[in-house]
């Protein structure tokens, strides 16, 4: 049942009720607009059900906090903290029933300026996971509004890797970082090709300092993998060596959680003058260095932990370019 009341400001407030419970209100300048809106709401059984649901008063901030507490105990939160923070800052006290697909599309369009489709899709996927939790775990909503937002087409064949000059500048910037482990993390990425989540999940008892190896028990392809660590990087690792099961890169306030280093990473990139470069591109850089120094695609796949060389094939052109430069240098003057 809807009622229209005139406010002291001369506007008209439409109030939609069910069983004497206020479900939704909205104020209009004209009375006819208030009536039209109320009639539309009353005629939409799905909306009436939504406004009367347990999630009707839940804000996005409340939902995000619940989701984070539910997700965090058994998962690595690298990436989640940043992405969830973006959505929490954007929607905050907005009720989750008022967040629709058009609002989400607009937010992703604004966020996507100068960002890759893959980055935008990851941001969208984070929000979708939160709403999926609201639907399936909490019964706050009947459906996930993100499902009506299309993902962007990604070009997974694009490989961004550091030039020699960029690599040198980045290493210098990492050494000067306020976080004393940024240099170690970046060097591990560059010399082992490990994924960020794999490194942030490393525990001290996973490392064999004598053999210069580290075991990854949980990887993207579901199989354990051994990292071989070069002497110089192992020497840096020794500076922070601890005994026990603690994380190598722990948060200073929540020791079971990995350190959130994004601001230090961004600052290092800025100081090094490097643009359009993600942390994951360090993995591409590791692969590129291997291929351009004569490693086969099979050997490169073994280092990166690819199940087949089909994934590693994106680096094949670098091998060809390296061979061409080599033959041009050695045999280019033969006549």
Foldseek 3Di string as FASTA:
>chain_A
DWDWDADPVRWIKIFDDDPNHTQDIDIGNDPVVSVVVNVVCVVDPQNVCLSPAPQNQPFLLNLLVVVCVVPPPVAACAVVVVLSVVVCVVGPRPRPVPDALVNVQVVLVVVCVVHALVVSQSSLVSQQVSVVCCVPVPVNHVDGRSVPPDRDDHDLLDADADDPLLVVLLLVLQCVFPDNCSNLLLLLCLAQLEDPRQLQQFFLVQADLVQQKGWRPQDPVGHIAITHHDPVSSVVLVVQHDDDGWTSAADPVGRNHGHHCVVRSVSSCVSSVHPPDDSNSSSSHNLLVCLLVPHDLVRSCNSNVNPDSVSVCSNVVSNVVSVVVVCCVPPVPPD
